[in-house]
C-alpha atoms as a PDB file:
ATOM      1  CA  UNK A   1     -22.398 -13.931-118.246  1.00  0.00           C
ATOM      2  CA  UNK A   2     -21.041 -16.780-116.149  1.00  0.00           C
ATOM      3  CA  UNK A   3     -17.487 -17.697-117.086  1.00  0.00           C
ATOM      4  CA  UNK A   4     -16.811 -21.226-118.222  1.00  0.00           C
ATOM      5  CA  UNK A   5     -16.172 -23.497-115.271  1.00  0.00           C
ATOM      6  CA  UNK A   6     -13.040 -25.596-115.104  1.00  0.00           C
ATOM      7  CA  UNK A   7     -15.449 -28.485-114.455  1.00  0.00           C
ATOM      8  CA  UNK A   8     -17.621 -27.806-117.504  1.00  0.00           C
ATOM      9  CA  UNK A   9     -16.424 -30.962-119.260  1.00  0.00           C
ATOM     10  CA  UNK A  10     -16.118 -33.094-116.120  1.00  0.00           C
ATOM     11  CA  UNK A  11     -18.102 -36.304-115.870  1.00  0.00           C
ATOM     12  CA  UNK A  12     -20.134 -37.170-112.775  1.00  0.00           C
ATOM     13  CA  UNK A  13     -17.330 -39.049-111.061  1.00  0.00           C
ATOM     14  CA  UNK A  14     -14.786 -36.258-111.479  1.00  0.00           C
ATOM     15  CA  UNK A  15     -17.273 -33.542-110.550  1.00  0.00           C
ATOM     16  CA  UNK A  16     -18.403 -35.383-107.441  1.00  0.00           C
ATOM     17  CA  UNK A  17     -14.807 -36.029-106.400  1.00  0.00           C
ATOM     18  CA  UNK A  18     -14.171 -32.280-106.608  1.00  0.00           C
ATOM     19  CA  UNK A  19     -17.287 -31.590-104.533  1.00  0.00           C
ATOM     20  CA  UNK A  20     -16.064 -34.063-101.936  1.00  0.00           C
ATOM     21  CA  UNK A  21     -12.775 -32.150-101.877  1.00  0.00           C
ATOM     22  CA  UNK A  22     -14.789 -29.028-100.930  1.00  0.00           C
ATOM     23  CA  UNK A  23     -14.517 -27.233-104.248  1.00  0.00           C
ATOM     24  CA  UNK A  24     -17.087 -24.435-104.335  1.00  0.00           C
ATOM     25  CA  UNK A  25     -16.700 -24.205-108.109  1.00  0.00           C
ATOM     26  CA  UNK A  26     -17.601 -27.878-108.423  1.00  0.00           C
ATOM     27  CA  UNK A  27     -20.767 -27.302-106.395  1.00  0.00           C
ATOM     28  CA  UNK A  28     -21.588 -24.321-108.611  1.00  0.00           C
ATOM     29  CA  UNK A  29     -21.177 -26.468-111.721  1.00  0.00           C
ATOM     30  CA  UNK A  30     -23.383 -29.176-110.228  1.00  0.00           C
ATOM     31  CA  UNK A  31     -26.015 -26.559-109.452  1.00  0.00           C
ATOM     32  CA  UNK A  32     -25.873 -25.072-112.955  1.00  0.00           C
ATOM     33  CA  UNK A  33     -26.309 -28.505-114.518  1.00  0.00           C
ATOM     34  CA  UNK A  34     -29.131 -29.827-112.399  1.00  0.00           C
ATOM     35  CA  UNK A  35     -30.981 -27.186-110.357  1.00  0.00           C
ATOM     36  CA  UNK A  36     -33.644 -26.278-112.909  1.00  0.00           C
ATOM     37  CA  UNK A  37     -34.719 -29.885-113.505  1.00  0.00           C
ATOM     38  CA  UNK A  38     -34.624 -30.611-109.785  1.00  0.00           C
ATOM     39  CA  UNK A  39     -36.808 -27.589-109.046  1.00  0.00           C
ATOM     40  CA  UNK A  40     -39.251 -28.746-111.706  1.00  0.00           C
ATOM     41  CA  UNK A  41     -39.318 -32.231-110.211  1.00  0.00           C
ATOM     42  CA  UNK A  42     -39.932 -30.805-106.752  1.00  0.00           C
ATOM     43  CA  UNK A  43     -42.789 -28.644-108.019  1.00  0.00           C
ATOM     44  CA  UNK A  44     -44.475 -31.660-109.561  1.00  0.00           C
ATOM     45  CA  UNK A  45     -44.134 -33.688-106.372  1.00  0.00           C
ATOM     46  CA  UNK A  46     -44.957 -31.144-103.695  1.00  0.00           C
ATOM     47  CA  UNK A  47     -47.011 -28.586-105.665  1.00  0.00           C
ATOM     48  CA  UNK A  48     -45.822 -25.421-103.925  1.00  0.00           C
ATOM     49  CA  UNK A  49     -42.888 -23.225-105.026  1.00  0.00           C
ATOM     50  CA  UNK A  50     -41.777 -22.490-101.462  1.00  0.00           C
ATOM     51  CA  UNK A  51     -41.620 -26.152-100.501  1.00  0.00           C
ATOM     52  CA  UNK A  52     -39.984 -27.064-103.808  1.00  0.00           C
ATOM     53  CA  UNK A  53     -37.322 -24.402-103.304  1.00  0.00           C
ATOM     54  CA  UNK A  54     -36.612 -25.613 -99.781  1.00  0.00           C
ATOM     55  CA  UNK A  55     -36.263 -29.230-100.897  1.00  0.00           C
ATOM     56  CA  UNK A  56     -33.740 -28.364-103.621  1.00  0.00           C
ATOM     57  CA  UNK A  57     -31.787 -25.989-101.377  1.00  0.00           C
ATOM     58  CA  UNK A  58     -31.560 -28.642 -98.648  1.00  0.00           C
ATOM     59  CA  UNK A  59     -30.334 -31.241-101.142  1.00  0.00           C
ATOM     60  CA  UNK A  60     -27.506 -28.976-102.280  1.00  0.00           C
ATOM     61  CA  UNK A  61     -26.642 -28.105 -98.698  1.00  0.00           C
ATOM     62  CA  UNK A  62     -26.413 -31.842 -97.976  1.00  0.00           C
ATOM     63  CA  UNK A  63     -24.144 -32.231-101.001  1.00  0.00           C
ATOM     64  CA  UNK A  64     -21.845 -29.527 -99.646  1.00  0.00           C
ATOM     65  CA  UNK A  65     -21.896 -30.443 -95.972  1.00  0.00           C
ATOM     66  CA  UNK A  66     -21.847 -34.229 -96.241  1.00  0.00           C
ATOM     67  CA  UNK A  67     -20.997 -35.412 -99.760  1.00  0.00           C
ATOM     68  CA  UNK A  68     -20.357 -38.886 -98.368  1.00  0.00           C
ATOM     69  CA  UNK A  69     -24.114 -39.159 -97.786  1.00  0.00           C
ATOM     70  CA  UNK A  70     -24.682 -38.952-101.576  1.00  0.00           C
ATOM     71  CA  UNK A  71     -24.208 -42.328-103.259  1.00  0.00           C
ATOM     72  CA  UNK A  72     -23.435 -42.538-106.983  1.00  0.00           C
ATOM     73  CA  UNK A  73     -23.440 -46.330-107.097  1.00  0.00           C
ATOM     74  CA  UNK A  74     -25.363 -47.380-110.223  1.00  0.00           C
ATOM     75  CA  UNK A  75     -26.899 -43.932-110.648  1.00  0.00           C
ATOM     76  CA  UNK A  76     -26.007 -40.538-112.059  1.00  0.00           C
ATOM     77  CA  UNK A  77     -25.281 -37.464-109.973  1.00  0.00           C
ATOM     78  CA  UNK A  78     -28.616 -35.995-111.070  1.00  0.00           C
ATOM     79  CA  UNK A  79     -30.436 -39.151-109.990  1.00  0.00           C
ATOM     80  CA  UNK A  80     -28.694 -39.107-106.613  1.00  0.00           C
ATOM     81  CA  UNK A  81     -29.635 -35.465-106.039  1.00  0.00           C
ATOM     82  CA  UNK A  82     -33.165 -36.113-107.303  1.00  0.00           C
ATOM     83  CA  UNK A  83     -33.479 -38.843-104.694  1.00  0.00           C
ATOM     84  CA  UNK A  84     -32.492 -36.350-102.009  1.00  0.00           C
ATOM     85  CA  UNK A  85     -35.000 -33.812-103.332  1.00  0.00           C
ATOM     86  CA  UNK A  86     -37.769 -36.389-103.633  1.00  0.00           C
ATOM     87  CA  UNK A  87     -37.283 -37.629-100.069  1.00  0.00           C
ATOM     88  CA  UNK A  88     -37.543 -34.078 -98.761  1.00  0.00           C
ATOM     89  CA  UNK A  89     -40.609 -33.355-100.892  1.00  0.00           C
ATOM     90  CA  UNK A  90     -42.385 -36.451 -99.596  1.00  0.00           C
ATOM     91  CA  UNK A  91     -41.641 -35.399 -96.023  1.00  0.00           C
ATOM     92  CA  UNK A  92     -42.961 -31.877 -96.714  1.00  0.00           C
ATOM     93  CA  UNK A  93     -46.036 -33.251 -98.444  1.00  0.00           C
ATOM     94  CA  UNK A  94     -46.882 -35.544 -95.529  1.00  0.00           C
ATOM     95  CA  UNK A  95     -46.359 -32.696 -93.072  1.00  0.00           C
ATOM     96  CA  UNK A  96     -48.767 -30.496 -95.022  1.00  0.00           C
ATOM     97  CA  UNK A  97     -51.338 -33.263 -95.225  1.00  0.00           C
ATOM     98  CA  UNK A  98     -51.426 -33.367 -91.426  1.00  0.00           C
ATOM     99  CA  UNK A  99     -52.090 -29.617 -91.403  1.00  0.00           C
ATOM    100  CA  UNK A 100     -54.362 -29.111 -94.455  1.00  0.00           C
ATOM    101  CA  UNK A 101     -55.468 -25.660 -93.375  1.00  0.00           C
ATOM    102  CA  UNK A 102     -51.934 -24.380 -93.878  1.00  0.00           C
ATOM    103  CA  UNK A 103     -51.650 -25.403 -97.492  1.00  0.00           C
ATOM    104  CA  UNK A 104     -53.396 -23.837-100.483  1.00  0.00           C
ATOM    105  CA  UNK A 105     -54.444 -26.097-103.342  1.00  0.00           C
ATOM    106  CA  UNK A 106     -51.826 -25.889-106.153  1.00  0.00           C
ATOM    107  CA  UNK A 107     -53.052 -23.935-109.179  1.00  0.00           C
ATOM    108  CA  UNK A 108     -51.763 -26.187-111.955  1.00  0.00           C
ATOM    109  CA  UNK A 109     -53.976 -24.712-114.674  1.00  0.00           C
ATOM    110  CA  UNK A 110     -52.570 -21.201-114.425  1.00  0.00           C
ATOM    111  CA  UNK A 111     -49.144 -22.235-115.692  1.00  0.00           C
ATOM    112  CA  UNK A 112     -49.679 -24.535-118.666  1.00  0.00           C
ATOM    113  CA  UNK A 113     -52.209 -26.915-120.247  1.00  0.00           C
ATOM    114  CA  UNK A 114     -49.633 -29.691-119.918  1.00  0.00           C
ATOM    115  CA  UNK A 115     -49.348 -29.099-116.187  1.00  0.00           C
ATOM    116  CA  UNK A 116     -53.150 -29.141-115.942  1.00  0.00           C
ATOM    117  CA  UNK A 117     -53.053 -32.549-117.646  1.00  0.00           C
ATOM    118  CA  UNK A 118     -50.446 -33.787-115.173  1.00  0.00           C
ATOM    119  CA  UNK A 119     -52.713 -32.701-112.322  1.00  0.00           C
ATOM    120  CA  UNK A 120     -55.274 -35.221-113.568  1.00  0.00           C
ATOM    121  CA  UNK A 121     -52.843 -38.071-113.013  1.00  0.00           C
ATOM    122  CA  UNK A 122     -52.790 -39.990-109.748  1.00  0.00           C
ATOM    123  CA  UNK A 123     -50.019 -38.778-107.473  1.00  0.00           C
ATOM    124  CA  UNK A 124     -48.016 -41.987-107.851  1.00  0.00           C
ATOM    125  CA  UNK A 125     -47.983 -41.651-111.656  1.00  0.00           C
ATOM    126  CA  UNK A 126     -46.952 -38.012-111.440  1.00  0.00           C
ATOM    127  CA  UNK A 127     -44.117 -38.844-109.037  1.00  0.00           C
ATOM    128  CA  UNK A 128     -42.950 -41.700-111.257  1.00  0.00           C
ATOM    129  CA  UNK A 129     -42.853 -39.527-114.383  1.00  0.00           C
ATOM    130  CA  UNK A 130     -41.100 -36.707-112.567  1.00  0.00           C
ATOM    131  CA  UNK A 131     -38.330 -38.996-111.356  1.00  0.00           C
ATOM    132  CA  UNK A 132     -37.784 -40.513-114.804  1.00  0.00           C
ATOM    133  CA  UNK A 133     -38.074 -37.419-116.985  1.00  0.00           C
ATOM    134  CA  UNK A 134     -36.597 -34.802-114.675  1.00  0.00           C
ATOM    135  CA  UNK A 135     -34.715 -36.750-112.025  1.00  0.00           C
ATOM    136  CA  UNK A 136     -32.451 -38.818-114.248  1.00  0.00           C
ATOM    137  CA  UNK A 137     -33.897 -42.112-112.994  1.00  0.00           C
ATOM    138  CA  UNK A 138     -34.288 -45.254-115.033  1.00  0.00           C
ATOM    139  CA  UNK A 139     -37.686 -46.904-114.805  1.00  0.00           C
ATOM    140  CA  UNK A 140     -36.215 -49.471-112.431  1.00  0.00           C
ATOM    141  CA  UNK A 141     -34.677 -46.805-110.200  1.00  0.00           C
ATOM    142  CA  UNK A 142     -37.907 -44.804-110.115  1.00  0.00           C
ATOM    143  CA  UNK A 143     -39.910 -47.917-109.301  1.00  0.00           C
ATOM    144  CA  UNK A 144     -37.554 -48.692-106.423  1.00  0.00           C
ATOM    145  CA  UNK A 145     -37.880 -45.121-105.154  1.00  0.00           C
ATOM    146  CA  UNK A 146     -41.675 -45.503-105.101  1.00  0.00           C
ATOM    147  CA  UNK A 147     -41.373 -48.988-103.580  1.00  0.00           C
ATOM    148  CA  UNK A 148     -43.138 -50.722-106.474  1.00  0.00           C
ATOM    149  CA  UNK A 149     -41.966 -53.378-108.925  1.00  0.00           C
ATOM    150  CA  UNK A 150     -40.849 -52.504-112.439  1.00  0.00           C
ATOM    151  CA  UNK A 151     -43.828 -54.198-114.114  1.00  0.00           C
ATOM    152  CA  UNK A 152     -46.178 -52.025-112.068  1.00  0.00           C
ATOM    153  CA  UNK A 153     -44.164 -48.961-113.053  1.00  0.00           C
ATOM    154  CA  UNK A 154     -44.467 -49.886-116.736  1.00  0.00           C
ATOM    155  CA  UNK A 155     -48.251 -50.194-116.408  1.00  0.00           C
ATOM    156  CA  UNK A 156     -48.447 -46.855-114.605  1.00  0.00           C
ATOM    157  CA  UNK A 157     -46.496 -45.147-117.382  1.00  0.00           C
ATOM    158  CA  UNK A 158     -48.797 -46.559-120.064  1.00  0.00           C
ATOM    159  CA  UNK A 159     -51.868 -45.520-118.069  1.00  0.00           C
ATOM    160  CA  UNK A 160     -50.442 -42.013-117.719  1.00  0.00           C
ATOM    161  CA  UNK A 161     -49.747 -41.773-121.441  1.00  0.00           C
ATOM    162  CA  UNK A 162     -53.327 -42.829-122.269  1.00  0.00           C
ATOM    163  CA  UNK A 163     -54.764 -40.312-119.827  1.00  0.00           C
ATOM    164  CA  UNK A 164     -52.633 -37.428-121.068  1.00  0.00           C
ATOM    165  CA  UNK A 165     -53.346 -38.174-124.723  1.00  0.00           C
ATOM    166  CA  UNK A 166     -57.095 -38.204-124.300  1.00  0.00           C
ATOM    167  CA  UNK A 167     -57.886 -35.440-121.854  1.00  0.00           C
ATOM    168  CA  UNK A 168     -61.081 -33.780-122.978  1.00  0.00           C
ATOM    169  CA  UNK A 169     -61.237 -36.176-125.984  1.00  0.00           C
ATOM    170  CA  UNK A 170     -58.477 -34.166-127.617  1.00  0.00           C
ATOM    171  CA  UNK A 171     -55.115 -35.625-128.704  1.00  0.00           C
ATOM    172  CA  UNK A 172     -52.380 -34.747-126.265  1.00  0.00           C
ATOM    173  CA  UNK A 173     -48.579 -34.804-126.608  1.00  0.00           C
ATOM    174  CA  UNK A 174     -46.516 -37.748-125.468  1.00  0.00           C
ATOM    175  CA  UNK A 175     -45.442 -37.765-121.829  1.00  0.00           C
ATOM    176  CA  UNK A 176     -42.040 -36.347-122.739  1.00  0.00           C
ATOM    177  CA  UNK A 177     -43.597 -33.401-124.554  1.00  0.00           C
ATOM    178  CA  UNK A 178     -46.112 -32.910-121.784  1.00  0.00           C
ATOM    179  CA  UNK A 179     -43.345 -32.597-119.230  1.00  0.00           C
ATOM    180  CA  UNK A 180     -41.800 -30.011-121.523  1.00  0.00           C
ATOM    181  CA  UNK A 181     -43.668 -27.252-119.703  1.00  0.00           C
ATOM    182  CA  UNK A 182     -40.690 -27.020-117.353  1.00  0.00           C
ATOM    183  CA  UNK A 183     -40.560 -23.236-117.240  1.00  0.00           C
ATOM    184  CA  UNK A 184     -39.693 -22.771-113.597  1.00  0.00           C
ATOM    185  CA  UNK A 185     -39.898 -19.107-112.580  1.00  0.00           C
ATOM    186  CA  UNK A 186     -36.652 -17.499-111.462  1.00  0.00           C
ATOM    187  CA  UNK A 187     -38.121 -16.966-107.983  1.00  0.00           C
ATOM    188  CA  UNK A 188     -38.322 -20.727-107.512  1.00  0.00           C
ATOM    189  CA  UNK A 189     -34.668 -21.399-108.319  1.00  0.00           C
ATOM    190  CA  UNK A 190     -32.443 -20.249-105.447  1.00  0.00           C
ATOM    191  CA  UNK A 191     -29.195 -18.621-106.526  1.00  0.00           C
ATOM    192  CA  UNK A 192     -26.258 -19.525-104.347  1.00  0.00           C
ATOM    193  CA  UNK A 193     -23.854 -16.750-103.477  1.00  0.00           C
ATOM    194  CA  UNK A 194     -21.284 -19.553-103.381  1.00  0.00           C
ATOM    195  CA  UNK A 195     -19.242 -17.887-100.691  1.00  0.00           C
ATOM    196  CA  UNK A 196     -17.814 -19.893 -97.855  1.00  0.00           C
ATOM    197  CA  UNK A 197     -19.128 -18.870 -94.449  1.00  0.00           C
ATOM    198  CA  UNK A 198     -17.235 -19.263 -91.227  1.00  0.00           C
ATOM    199  CA  UNK A 199     -18.752 -22.686 -90.772  1.00  0.00           C
ATOM    200  CA  UNK A 200     -17.648 -23.810 -94.196  1.00  0.00           C
ATOM    201  CA  UNK A 201     -21.220 -23.894 -95.570  1.00  0.00           C
ATOM    202  CA  UNK A 202     -22.809 -22.272 -98.584  1.00  0.00           C
ATOM    203  CA  UNK A 203     -24.548 -19.015 -97.750  1.00  0.00           C
END
């Protein structure tokens, strides 16, 4: 059992300040709080566990190596990290699209009916919901991330709700419940050893 962190009760500002001061324990606490949701977000965006894992790992490495690159202005620590993860997922997704033979089609249906429902949504709707429900974004922040206006985001959310409630002419859960499938396998969530290497990075 993991012992209680000295940062367990810390708010985002205090936790981030400790990360910036190169506290490994603060990074561990940040990881414990947010990694599962960030991995789930990445899976929804990029569709492949390996790419999702890489995106989350790179975001935490960026947090450790260059915390000044993470901006908490008008957003939570989770939202800031989710932005890092999302940017990396979009890059990976575009790379795969230019080499389609190297990427297998995601098998959404094998995991959960809710995930199968999400697969029916247009990519932009799925990304929007992932950022809001898993990435700690407000609707406005998610809209900005997708480079759309907030009114468009609101319409997309309502369209997604209608689609997910009426798949196969059967009532479906609300979007929040539908995203509740977030049962990321352990193999997808990288476990940091949290030891400091010679270069001062996480290993």
